[in-house]
Amino acid sequence: MSIPVVPVGHERRRAKPSPWKIGLAALAIAAIVFVTLCPAGLRPHFAPANLERFGAYFVMGALVVLAAGRRVLAATALVVALAVVLEAAQALAPGRDPAAADAIVKALGGVTGAALVAISYPVRRWLARLVAPRPVAAAIKRG
């Protein structure tokens, strides 16, 4: 009987996200930077402003966490920091004005998207174990 060795600390293998996930997250960040700092006339309008803000950061939060692999907290902190910094940077953009309420809506959207992806990891593992076939020997012992 062998005892499995589980690497810990710096020896633990890190999951490497696909270049597609990283690219999509970078594209989402770039789009949000542009839309946040561009003149108001160039900004697209699809829905009420707060819904647009929440939705954009929701998608970005989800994509950044997907690209970050196991670094969920760091990715979520990045999304919140981007919401605050970009909102503050609007003070430097002509025709734009920063608002704390907008930063809060954006941060909540990012955290919600990040949390949804983070919660999906253990749920998917649990579902995979739930539907996985049991070994025959284990079924005989229980029977």
N, C-alpha and C. Protein backbone atom coordinates (compact mmCIF):
# COMPACT_ATOMS: atom_id res chain seq x y z
N MET A 1 0.84 -1.17 0.00
CA MET A 1 0.00 0.00 0.00
C MET A 1 0.89 1.23 0.00
N SER A 2 0.64 2.13 -0.92
CA SER A 2 1.45 3.34 -0.99
C SER A 2 0.64 4.54 -0.49
N ILE A 3 1.34 5.45 0.10
CA ILE A 3 0.72 6.66 0.61
C ILE A 3 0.96 7.77 -0.41
N PRO A 4 -0.10 8.39 -0.88
CA PRO A 4 0.10 9.45 -1.87
C PRO A 4 0.79 10.66 -1.24
N VAL A 5 1.72 11.22 -1.98
CA VAL A 5 2.44 12.39 -1.52
C VAL A 5 1.80 13.62 -2.17
N VAL A 6 1.35 14.52 -1.35
CA VAL A 6 0.72 15.74 -1.86
C VAL A 6 1.70 16.88 -1.71
N PRO A 7 2.12 17.47 -2.82
CA PRO A 7 3.06 18.59 -2.73
C PRO A 7 2.40 19.78 -2.04
N VAL A 8 3.18 20.48 -1.25
CA VAL A 8 2.67 21.66 -0.55
C VAL A 8 3.57 22.85 -0.83
N GLY A 9 3.08 24.02 -0.51
CA GLY A 9 3.89 25.22 -0.64
C GLY A 9 4.28 25.49 -2.07
N HIS A 10 5.55 25.84 -2.27
CA HIS A 10 6.02 26.21 -3.59
C HIS A 10 6.12 25.02 -4.54
N GLU A 11 6.06 23.80 -4.02
CA GLU A 11 6.14 22.61 -4.86
C GLU A 11 4.80 22.28 -5.52
N ARG A 12 3.73 22.87 -5.03
CA ARG A 12 2.41 22.58 -5.55
C ARG A 12 2.30 23.08 -6.99
N ARG A 13 1.77 22.25 -7.85
CA ARG A 13 1.64 22.60 -9.26
C ARG A 13 0.54 23.65 -9.44
N ARG A 14 0.84 24.69 -10.16
CA ARG A 14 -0.14 25.73 -10.41
C ARG A 14 -0.86 25.46 -11.72
N ALA A 15 -2.15 25.68 -11.69
CA ALA A 15 -2.93 25.53 -12.91
C ALA A 15 -2.59 26.68 -13.85
N LYS A 16 -2.35 26.36 -15.10
CA LYS A 16 -2.03 27.39 -16.08
C LYS A 16 -3.26 27.60 -16.95
N PRO A 17 -3.83 28.79 -16.91
CA PRO A 17 -5.01 29.05 -17.74
C PRO A 17 -4.63 29.12 -19.21
N SER A 18 -5.59 28.87 -20.05
CA SER A 18 -5.32 28.88 -21.49
C SER A 18 -5.08 30.31 -21.97
N PRO A 19 -4.34 30.45 -23.04
CA PRO A 19 -4.12 31.79 -23.60
C PRO A 19 -5.43 32.46 -24.01
N TRP A 20 -6.43 31.67 -24.37
CA TRP A 20 -7.73 32.24 -24.74
C TRP A 20 -8.37 32.94 -23.55
N LYS A 21 -8.31 32.32 -22.38
CA LYS A 21 -8.90 32.93 -21.19
C LYS A 21 -8.17 34.23 -20.84
N ILE A 22 -6.86 34.19 -20.92
CA ILE A 22 -6.07 35.39 -20.62
C ILE A 22 -6.38 36.49 -21.64
N GLY A 23 -6.47 36.10 -22.91
CA GLY A 23 -6.77 37.07 -23.96
C GLY A 23 -8.14 37.70 -23.80
N LEU A 24 -9.14 36.89 -23.46
CA LEU A 24 -10.49 37.43 -23.26
C LEU A 24 -10.54 38.37 -22.06
N ALA A 25 -9.84 38.01 -20.99
CA ALA A 25 -9.80 38.88 -19.82
C ALA A 25 -9.12 40.20 -20.16
N ALA A 26 -8.01 40.13 -20.89
CA ALA A 26 -7.30 41.35 -21.28
C ALA A 26 -8.17 42.22 -22.20
N LEU A 27 -8.90 41.58 -23.10
CA LEU A 27 -9.79 42.31 -23.99
C LEU A 27 -10.91 42.99 -23.21
N ALA A 28 -11.46 42.29 -22.22
CA ALA A 28 -12.51 42.89 -21.38
C ALA A 28 -11.97 44.09 -20.61
N ILE A 29 -10.77 43.95 -20.06
CA ILE A 29 -10.17 45.07 -19.33
C ILE A 29 -9.93 46.25 -20.26
N ALA A 30 -9.38 45.98 -21.45
CA ALA A 30 -9.11 47.07 -22.40
C ALA A 30 -10.40 47.76 -22.83
N ALA A 31 -11.45 47.00 -23.07
CA ALA A 31 -12.73 47.59 -23.47
C ALA A 31 -13.29 48.47 -22.37
N ILE A 32 -13.20 48.00 -21.14
CA ILE A 32 -13.73 48.79 -20.02
C ILE A 32 -12.89 50.04 -19.79
N VAL A 33 -11.58 49.94 -19.94
CA VAL A 33 -10.73 51.14 -19.81
C VAL A 33 -11.13 52.17 -20.87
N PHE A 34 -11.31 51.71 -22.10
CA PHE A 34 -11.69 52.63 -23.17
C PHE A 34 -13.05 53.28 -22.90
N VAL A 35 -14.04 52.47 -22.60
CA VAL A 35 -15.40 52.98 -22.40
C VAL A 35 -15.46 53.90 -21.18
N THR A 36 -14.66 53.61 -20.17
CA THR A 36 -14.69 54.43 -18.96
C THR A 36 -14.03 55.79 -19.17
N LEU A 37 -12.99 55.84 -19.98
CA LEU A 37 -12.22 57.08 -20.11
C LEU A 37 -12.46 57.84 -21.41
N CYS A 38 -13.22 57.27 -22.35
CA CYS A 38 -13.48 57.95 -23.61
C CYS A 38 -14.49 59.08 -23.40
N PRO A 39 -14.56 60.03 -24.33
CA PRO A 39 -15.60 61.06 -24.22
C PRO A 39 -16.99 60.42 -24.18
N ALA A 40 -17.88 61.03 -23.44
CA ALA A 40 -19.21 60.45 -23.22
C ALA A 40 -19.96 60.18 -24.52
N GLY A 41 -19.72 60.96 -25.55
CA GLY A 41 -20.41 60.76 -26.82
C GLY A 41 -20.00 59.50 -27.55
N LEU A 42 -18.79 59.00 -27.30
CA LEU A 42 -18.32 57.77 -27.96
C LEU A 42 -18.76 56.50 -27.25
N ARG A 43 -19.25 56.67 -26.04
CA ARG A 43 -19.63 55.51 -25.22
C ARG A 43 -20.95 54.92 -25.71
N PRO A 44 -20.99 53.60 -25.94
CA PRO A 44 -22.26 52.99 -26.36
C PRO A 44 -23.25 52.93 -25.20
N HIS A 45 -24.53 53.01 -25.52
CA HIS A 45 -25.58 52.94 -24.51
C HIS A 45 -26.55 51.83 -24.90
N PHE A 46 -26.71 50.82 -24.01
CA PHE A 46 -27.60 49.70 -24.29
C PHE A 46 -28.75 49.60 -23.30
N ALA A 47 -28.51 50.04 -22.09
CA ALA A 47 -29.46 49.86 -20.99
C ALA A 47 -29.28 51.02 -20.01
N PRO A 48 -30.03 51.02 -18.92
CA PRO A 48 -29.78 52.03 -17.89
C PRO A 48 -28.31 51.99 -17.44
N ALA A 49 -27.79 53.16 -17.10
CA ALA A 49 -26.35 53.29 -16.83
C ALA A 49 -25.85 52.32 -15.76
N ASN A 50 -26.55 52.19 -14.65
CA ASN A 50 -26.08 51.30 -13.59
C ASN A 50 -26.11 49.84 -14.02
N LEU A 51 -27.08 49.45 -14.83
CA LEU A 51 -27.13 48.08 -15.34
C LEU A 51 -25.95 47.82 -16.28
N GLU A 52 -25.62 48.80 -17.12
CA GLU A 52 -24.46 48.67 -18.00
C GLU A 52 -23.17 48.53 -17.19
N ARG A 53 -23.03 49.37 -16.18
CA ARG A 53 -21.82 49.32 -15.35
C ARG A 53 -21.70 47.97 -14.66
N PHE A 54 -22.78 47.56 -14.00
CA PHE A 54 -22.78 46.28 -13.28
C PHE A 54 -22.48 45.13 -14.25
N GLY A 55 -23.16 45.11 -15.39
CA GLY A 55 -22.98 44.03 -16.36
C GLY A 55 -21.58 43.95 -16.93
N ALA A 56 -21.02 45.10 -17.27
CA ALA A 56 -19.66 45.12 -17.84
C ALA A 56 -18.65 44.59 -16.83
N TYR A 57 -18.74 45.03 -15.60
CA TYR A 57 -17.80 44.58 -14.58
C TYR A 57 -18.09 43.14 -14.14
N PHE A 58 -19.34 42.71 -14.23
CA PHE A 58 -19.68 41.31 -13.95
C PHE A 58 -18.94 40.40 -14.93
N VAL A 59 -19.02 40.74 -16.21
CA VAL A 59 -18.34 39.94 -17.24
C VAL A 59 -16.83 40.00 -17.04
N MET A 60 -16.31 41.20 -16.79
CA MET A 60 -14.87 41.33 -16.59
C MET A 60 -14.41 40.55 -15.36
N GLY A 61 -15.16 40.63 -14.27
CA GLY A 61 -14.80 39.89 -13.06
C GLY A 61 -14.76 38.40 -13.31
N ALA A 62 -15.76 37.89 -14.03
CA ALA A 62 -15.79 36.46 -14.34
C ALA A 62 -14.61 36.06 -15.21
N LEU A 63 -14.32 36.85 -16.24
CA LEU A 63 -13.21 36.51 -17.14
C LEU A 63 -11.85 36.61 -16.46
N VAL A 64 -11.68 37.60 -15.61
CA VAL A 64 -10.40 37.75 -14.91
C VAL A 64 -10.17 36.58 -13.95
N VAL A 65 -11.21 36.14 -13.26
CA VAL A 65 -11.06 34.99 -12.36
C VAL A 65 -10.80 33.72 -13.15
N LEU A 66 -11.46 33.55 -14.29
CA LEU A 66 -11.17 32.39 -15.14
C LEU A 66 -9.71 32.40 -15.59
N ALA A 67 -9.20 33.57 -15.92
CA ALA A 67 -7.81 33.68 -16.38
C ALA A 67 -6.81 33.53 -15.25
N ALA A 68 -7.23 33.80 -14.03
CA ALA A 68 -6.31 33.79 -12.89
C ALA A 68 -6.08 32.40 -12.31
N GLY A 69 -6.86 31.43 -12.69
CA GLY A 69 -6.68 30.09 -12.13
C GLY A 69 -7.05 30.06 -10.67
N ARG A 70 -6.12 29.65 -9.83
CA ARG A 70 -6.39 29.50 -8.39
C ARG A 70 -6.27 30.81 -7.62
N ARG A 71 -5.85 31.85 -8.26
CA ARG A 71 -5.64 33.12 -7.58
C ARG A 71 -6.91 33.98 -7.60
N VAL A 72 -7.97 33.43 -7.03
CA VAL A 72 -9.29 34.07 -7.07
C VAL A 72 -9.30 35.39 -6.31
N LEU A 73 -8.73 35.40 -5.11
CA LEU A 73 -8.76 36.63 -4.31
C LEU A 73 -7.95 37.74 -4.96
N ALA A 74 -6.80 37.40 -5.51
CA ALA A 74 -5.98 38.42 -6.19
C ALA A 74 -6.70 38.96 -7.41
N ALA A 75 -7.36 38.09 -8.16
CA ALA A 75 -8.10 38.52 -9.34
C ALA A 75 -9.27 39.42 -8.96
N THR A 76 -9.97 39.05 -7.90
CA THR A 76 -11.10 39.86 -7.44
C THR A 76 -10.62 41.22 -6.94
N ALA A 77 -9.50 41.23 -6.23
CA ALA A 77 -8.93 42.50 -5.77
C ALA A 77 -8.54 43.39 -6.95
N LEU A 78 -8.01 42.78 -8.01
CA LEU A 78 -7.65 43.54 -9.21
C LEU A 78 -8.89 44.19 -9.82
N VAL A 79 -9.98 43.45 -9.90
CA VAL A 79 -11.21 43.98 -10.49
C VAL A 79 -11.75 45.16 -9.66
N VAL A 80 -11.75 45.01 -8.35
CA VAL A 80 -12.22 46.10 -7.47
C VAL A 80 -11.29 47.31 -7.60
N ALA A 81 -9.99 47.06 -7.63
CA ALA A 81 -9.03 48.17 -7.78
C ALA A 81 -9.24 48.89 -9.11
N LEU A 82 -9.48 48.12 -10.18
CA LEU A 82 -9.73 48.75 -11.48
C LEU A 82 -10.99 49.61 -11.43
N ALA A 83 -12.02 49.13 -10.76
CA ALA A 83 -13.26 49.91 -10.66
C ALA A 83 -13.00 51.25 -9.99
N VAL A 84 -12.25 51.23 -8.90
CA VAL A 84 -11.98 52.46 -8.14
C VAL A 84 -11.03 53.38 -8.91
N VAL A 85 -9.94 52.82 -9.42
CA VAL A 85 -8.93 53.64 -10.11
C VAL A 85 -9.49 54.25 -11.39
N LEU A 86 -10.22 53.45 -12.17
CA LEU A 86 -10.77 53.98 -13.41
C LEU A 86 -11.83 55.04 -13.15
N GLU A 87 -12.61 54.85 -12.11
CA GLU A 87 -13.61 55.87 -11.78
C GLU A 87 -12.92 57.16 -11.36
N ALA A 88 -11.85 57.05 -10.58
CA ALA A 88 -11.10 58.25 -10.17
C ALA A 88 -10.41 58.90 -11.37
N ALA A 89 -9.96 58.09 -12.33
CA ALA A 89 -9.28 58.62 -13.51
C ALA A 89 -10.22 59.42 -14.40
N GLN A 90 -11.51 59.25 -14.22
CA GLN A 90 -12.46 60.05 -15.01
C GLN A 90 -12.33 61.54 -14.71
N ALA A 91 -11.76 61.88 -13.57
CA ALA A 91 -11.54 63.30 -13.24
C ALA A 91 -10.57 63.94 -14.23
N LEU A 92 -9.70 63.12 -14.83
CA LEU A 92 -8.72 63.62 -15.79
C LEU A 92 -9.23 63.61 -17.22
N ALA A 93 -10.34 62.92 -17.47
CA ALA A 93 -10.89 62.80 -18.83
C ALA A 93 -11.85 63.96 -19.09
N PRO A 94 -11.71 64.61 -20.24
CA PRO A 94 -12.61 65.73 -20.53
C PRO A 94 -14.06 65.26 -20.69
N GLY A 95 -14.95 65.99 -20.06
CA GLY A 95 -16.37 65.67 -20.17
C GLY A 95 -16.83 64.53 -19.28
N ARG A 96 -15.96 64.02 -18.45
CA ARG A 96 -16.33 62.91 -17.55
C ARG A 96 -16.18 63.37 -16.11
N ASP A 97 -16.97 62.79 -15.23
CA ASP A 97 -16.86 63.14 -13.81
C ASP A 97 -16.97 61.87 -12.97
N PRO A 98 -16.07 61.71 -12.01
CA PRO A 98 -16.10 60.50 -11.17
C PRO A 98 -17.23 60.58 -10.14
N ALA A 99 -17.74 59.40 -9.78
CA ALA A 99 -18.78 59.32 -8.75
C ALA A 99 -18.54 58.06 -7.92
N ALA A 100 -18.57 58.22 -6.62
CA ALA A 100 -18.34 57.08 -5.72
C ALA A 100 -19.42 56.01 -5.92
N ALA A 101 -20.65 56.43 -6.17
CA ALA A 101 -21.74 55.46 -6.37
C ALA A 101 -21.47 54.59 -7.60
N ASP A 102 -20.92 55.20 -8.66
CA ASP A 102 -20.59 54.42 -9.86
C ASP A 102 -19.50 53.39 -9.55
N ALA A 103 -18.49 53.80 -8.79
CA ALA A 103 -17.41 52.87 -8.42
C ALA A 103 -17.96 51.70 -7.61
N ILE A 104 -18.91 51.98 -6.74
CA ILE A 104 -19.50 50.90 -5.92
C ILE A 104 -20.27 49.93 -6.79
N VAL A 105 -21.07 50.44 -7.73
CA VAL A 105 -21.83 49.57 -8.63
C VAL A 105 -20.88 48.71 -9.46
N LYS A 106 -19.82 49.31 -9.96
CA LYS A 106 -18.84 48.57 -10.76
C LYS A 106 -18.15 47.50 -9.92
N ALA A 107 -17.73 47.86 -8.72
CA ALA A 107 -17.06 46.89 -7.85
C ALA A 107 -18.00 45.74 -7.49
N LEU A 108 -19.25 46.04 -7.21
CA LEU A 108 -20.22 44.98 -6.91
C LEU A 108 -20.42 44.05 -8.10
N GLY A 109 -20.48 44.61 -9.29
CA GLY A 109 -20.60 43.79 -10.49
C GLY A 109 -19.40 42.87 -10.66
N GLY A 110 -18.20 43.43 -10.48
CA GLY A 110 -16.98 42.62 -10.61
C GLY A 110 -16.89 41.53 -9.58
N VAL A 111 -17.23 41.85 -8.33
CA VAL A 111 -17.17 40.85 -7.26
C VAL A 111 -18.22 39.76 -7.49
N THR A 112 -19.40 40.14 -7.97
CA THR A 112 -20.45 39.15 -8.23
C THR A 112 -20.03 38.20 -9.35
N GLY A 113 -19.47 38.72 -10.43
CA GLY A 113 -19.00 37.86 -11.52
C GLY A 113 -17.87 36.96 -11.07
N ALA A 114 -16.94 37.51 -10.30
CA ALA A 114 -15.82 36.71 -9.79
C ALA A 114 -16.32 35.62 -8.85
N ALA A 115 -17.26 35.96 -7.98
CA ALA A 115 -17.79 34.98 -7.02
C ALA A 115 -18.53 33.86 -7.74
N LEU A 116 -19.27 34.20 -8.77
CA LEU A 116 -20.01 33.17 -9.50
C LEU A 116 -19.06 32.15 -10.11
N VAL A 117 -17.98 32.63 -10.71
CA VAL A 117 -16.99 31.70 -11.29
C VAL A 117 -16.30 30.92 -10.19
N ALA A 118 -15.92 31.58 -9.10
CA ALA A 118 -15.23 30.89 -8.00
C ALA A 118 -16.10 29.81 -7.38
N ILE A 119 -17.39 30.08 -7.24
CA ILE A 119 -18.31 29.08 -6.68
C ILE A 119 -18.52 27.93 -7.65
N SER A 120 -18.41 28.21 -8.94
CA SER A 120 -18.65 27.14 -9.92
C SER A 120 -17.59 26.05 -9.86
N TYR A 121 -16.37 26.36 -9.41
CA TYR A 121 -15.33 25.33 -9.35
C TYR A 121 -15.70 24.18 -8.42
N PRO A 122 -16.00 24.41 -7.14
CA PRO A 122 -16.37 23.27 -6.29
C PRO A 122 -17.69 22.63 -6.68
N VAL A 123 -18.62 23.41 -7.22
CA VAL A 123 -19.90 22.83 -7.64
C VAL A 123 -19.67 21.86 -8.79
N ARG A 124 -18.83 22.23 -9.74
CA ARG A 124 -18.55 21.32 -10.87
C ARG A 124 -17.84 20.05 -10.39
N ARG A 125 -16.90 20.18 -9.43
CA ARG A 125 -16.24 18.98 -8.89
C ARG A 125 -17.25 18.09 -8.18
N TRP A 126 -18.15 18.70 -7.41
CA TRP A 126 -19.16 17.93 -6.68
C TRP A 126 -20.08 17.21 -7.66
N LEU A 127 -20.51 17.90 -8.70
CA LEU A 127 -21.39 17.26 -9.69
C LEU A 127 -20.67 16.14 -10.43
N ALA A 128 -19.39 16.33 -10.72
CA ALA A 128 -18.63 15.27 -11.40
C ALA A 128 -18.53 14.03 -10.53
N ARG A 129 -18.31 14.21 -9.22
CA ARG A 129 -18.26 13.06 -8.32
C ARG A 129 -19.63 12.41 -8.17
N LEU A 130 -20.67 13.22 -8.20
CA LEU A 130 -22.02 12.71 -8.03
C LEU A 130 -22.43 11.79 -9.17
N VAL A 131 -22.05 12.14 -10.37
CA VAL A 131 -22.46 11.34 -11.53
C VAL A 131 -21.40 10.33 -11.96
N ALA A 132 -20.23 10.35 -11.34
CA ALA A 132 -19.17 9.41 -11.71
C ALA A 132 -19.57 8.00 -11.31
N PRO A 133 -19.28 7.02 -12.17
CA PRO A 133 -19.60 5.64 -11.82
C PRO A 133 -18.75 5.16 -10.65
N ARG A 134 -19.36 4.40 -9.77
CA ARG A 134 -18.64 3.86 -8.62
C ARG A 134 -17.89 2.60 -9.04
N PRO A 135 -16.74 2.37 -8.42
CA PRO A 135 -16.04 1.11 -8.70
C PRO A 135 -16.89 -0.08 -8.26
N VAL A 136 -16.77 -1.18 -8.96
CA VAL A 136 -17.57 -2.36 -8.67
C VAL A 136 -17.29 -2.89 -7.27
N ALA A 137 -16.03 -2.90 -6.85
CA ALA A 137 -15.68 -3.43 -5.53
C ALA A 137 -16.37 -2.64 -4.42
N ALA A 138 -16.43 -1.34 -4.56
CA ALA A 138 -17.09 -0.52 -3.54
C ALA A 138 -18.58 -0.79 -3.51
N ALA A 139 -19.17 -1.04 -4.65
CA ALA A 139 -20.61 -1.31 -4.71
C ALA A 139 -20.92 -2.65 -4.06
N ILE A 140 -20.04 -3.63 -4.20
CA ILE A 140 -20.27 -4.95 -3.60
C ILE A 140 -20.15 -4.87 -2.09
N LYS A 141 -19.16 -4.14 -1.57
CA LYS A 141 -18.98 -4.00 -0.12
C LYS A 141 -20.18 -3.35 0.53
N ARG A 142 -20.76 -2.37 -0.13
CA ARG A 142 -21.90 -1.65 0.43
C ARG A 142 -23.17 -2.48 0.35
N GLY A 143 -23.24 -3.30 -0.65
CA GLY A 143 -24.47 -4.05 -0.92
C GLY A 143 -24.71 -5.11 0.07
